[in-house]
Amino acid sequence: MLYSPEHHLKAARELEQRANRESDPQKKAELKELASQRRLVAKAGRRKVAQKATENVLSRAQKSASRKT
């Protein structure tokens, strides 16, 4: 199952909240690291979505231009 960037951000927030409640320093560090990784995945996902949208716009413009000539 593919997750959206928003899903990863929500999971990162939940992990950070759990880390703030955690009393064990080692577990707290692990949770913060997982949250950081989720944020990076979300950032990469947003970048990919934006790139795909740009490609779609460019291909539509190219098709439109080829129809006019």
C-alpha atoms as a PDB file:
ATOM      1  CA  MET A   1       0.000   0.000   0.000  1.00  0.00           C
ATOM      2  CA  LEU A   2       1.334   3.429  -0.950  1.00  0.00           C
ATOM      3  CA  TYR A   3       1.050   6.214   1.577  1.00  0.00           C
ATOM      4  CA  SER A   4       0.613   9.878   0.780  1.00  0.00           C
ATOM      5  CA  PRO A   5       3.053  12.510   2.051  1.00  0.00           C
ATOM      6  CA  GLU A   6       0.307  13.743   4.395  1.00  0.00           C
ATOM      7  CA  HIS A   7       0.052  10.270   5.919  1.00  0.00           C
ATOM      8  CA  HIS A   8       3.793  10.263   6.639  1.00  0.00           C
ATOM      9  CA  LEU A   9       3.601  13.716   8.233  1.00  0.00           C
ATOM     10  CA  LYS A  10       0.734  12.606  10.464  1.00  0.00           C
ATOM     11  CA  ALA A  11       2.701   9.520  11.516  1.00  0.00           C
ATOM     12  CA  ALA A  12       5.752  11.694  12.241  1.00  0.00           C
ATOM     13  CA  ARG A  13       3.687  13.968  14.491  1.00  0.00           C
ATOM     14  CA  GLU A  14       2.304  10.966  16.372  1.00  0.00           C
ATOM     15  CA  LEU A  15       5.805   9.542  16.853  1.00  0.00           C
ATOM     16  CA  GLU A  16       7.054  12.888  18.185  1.00  0.00           C
ATOM     17  CA  GLN A  17       4.158  13.066  20.622  1.00  0.00           C
ATOM     18  CA  ARG A  18       4.943   9.541  21.834  1.00  0.00           C
ATOM     19  CA  ALA A  19       8.610  10.517  22.190  1.00  0.00           C
ATOM     20  CA  ASN A  20       7.659  13.509  24.338  1.00  0.00           C
ATOM     21  CA  ARG A  21       5.669  11.244  26.677  1.00  0.00           C
ATOM     22  CA  GLU A  22       8.373   8.561  26.815  1.00  0.00           C
ATOM     23  CA  SER A  23      10.553   8.467  29.941  1.00  0.00           C
ATOM     24  CA  ASP A  24      13.213   6.026  28.681  1.00  0.00           C
ATOM     25  CA  PRO A  25      15.929   8.137  26.968  1.00  0.00           C
ATOM     26  CA  GLN A  26      16.910   5.377  24.531  1.00  0.00           C
ATOM     27  CA  LYS A  27      13.320   4.751  23.428  1.00  0.00           C
ATOM     28  CA  LYS A  28      12.777   8.521  23.188  1.00  0.00           C
ATOM     29  CA  ALA A  29      15.769   8.865  20.836  1.00  0.00           C
ATOM     30  CA  GLU A  30      14.536   5.958  18.691  1.00  0.00           C
ATOM     31  CA  LEU A  31      11.079   7.499  18.346  1.00  0.00           C
ATOM     32  CA  LYS A  32      12.533  10.880  17.409  1.00  0.00           C
ATOM     33  CA  GLU A  33      14.738   9.216  14.777  1.00  0.00           C
ATOM     34  CA  LEU A  34      11.723   7.395  13.312  1.00  0.00           C
ATOM     35  CA  ALA A  35       9.803  10.671  13.196  1.00  0.00           C
ATOM     36  CA  SER A  36      12.714  12.313  11.408  1.00  0.00           C
ATOM     37  CA  GLN A  37      12.795   9.532   8.824  1.00  0.00           C
ATOM     38  CA  ARG A  38       9.050   9.852   8.244  1.00  0.00           C
ATOM     39  CA  ARG A  39       9.443  13.590   7.650  1.00  0.00           C
ATOM     40  CA  LEU A  40      12.176  12.919   5.079  1.00  0.00           C
ATOM     41  CA  VAL A  41       9.951  10.391   3.306  1.00  0.00           C
ATOM     42  CA  ALA A  42       7.096  12.911   3.255  1.00  0.00           C
ATOM     43  CA  LYS A  43       9.397  15.578   1.829  1.00  0.00           C
ATOM     44  CA  ALA A  44      10.571  13.228  -0.921  1.00  0.00           C
ATOM     45  CA  GLY A  45       6.969  12.258  -1.641  1.00  0.00           C
ATOM     46  CA  ARG A  46       5.884  15.881  -1.991  1.00  0.00           C
ATOM     47  CA  ARG A  47       8.812  16.500  -4.334  1.00  0.00           C
ATOM     48  CA  LYS A  48       7.792  13.519  -6.466  1.00  0.00           C
ATOM     49  CA  VAL A  49       4.150  14.642  -6.600  1.00  0.00           C
ATOM     50  CA  ALA A  50       5.214  18.135  -7.667  1.00  0.00           C
ATOM     51  CA  GLN A  51       7.515  16.733 -10.337  1.00  0.00           C
ATOM     52  CA  LYS A  52       4.744  14.531 -11.719  1.00  0.00           C
ATOM     53  CA  ALA A  53       2.329  17.480 -11.796  1.00  0.00           C
ATOM     54  CA  THR A  54       4.893  19.538 -13.710  1.00  0.00           C
ATOM     55  CA  GLU A  55       5.376  16.722 -16.206  1.00  0.00           C
ATOM     56  CA  ASN A  56       1.596  16.481 -16.711  1.00  0.00           C
ATOM     57  CA  VAL A  57       1.299  20.218 -17.365  1.00  0.00           C
ATOM     58  CA  LEU A  58       4.203  20.159 -19.823  1.00  0.00           C
ATOM     59  CA  SER A  59       2.813  17.173 -21.716  1.00  0.00           C
ATOM     60  CA  ARG A  60      -0.622  18.820 -21.965  1.00  0.00           C
ATOM     61  CA  ALA A  61       0.964  22.022 -23.242  1.00  0.00           C
ATOM     62  CA  GLN A  62       2.937  20.068 -25.810  1.00  0.00           C
ATOM     63  CA  LYS A  63      -0.196  18.225 -27.000  1.00  0.00           C
ATOM     64  CA  SER A  64      -2.081  21.501 -27.207  1.00  0.00           C
ATOM     65  CA  ALA A  65       0.715  23.112 -29.212  1.00  0.00           C
ATOM     66  CA  SER A  66       0.873  20.178 -31.624  1.00  0.00           C
ATOM     67  CA  ARG A  67      -2.892  20.406 -32.260  1.00  0.00           C
ATOM     68  CA  LYS A  68      -2.654  24.094 -33.155  1.00  0.00           C
ATOM     69  CA  THR A  69      -0.008  23.571 -35.848  1.00  0.00           C
END
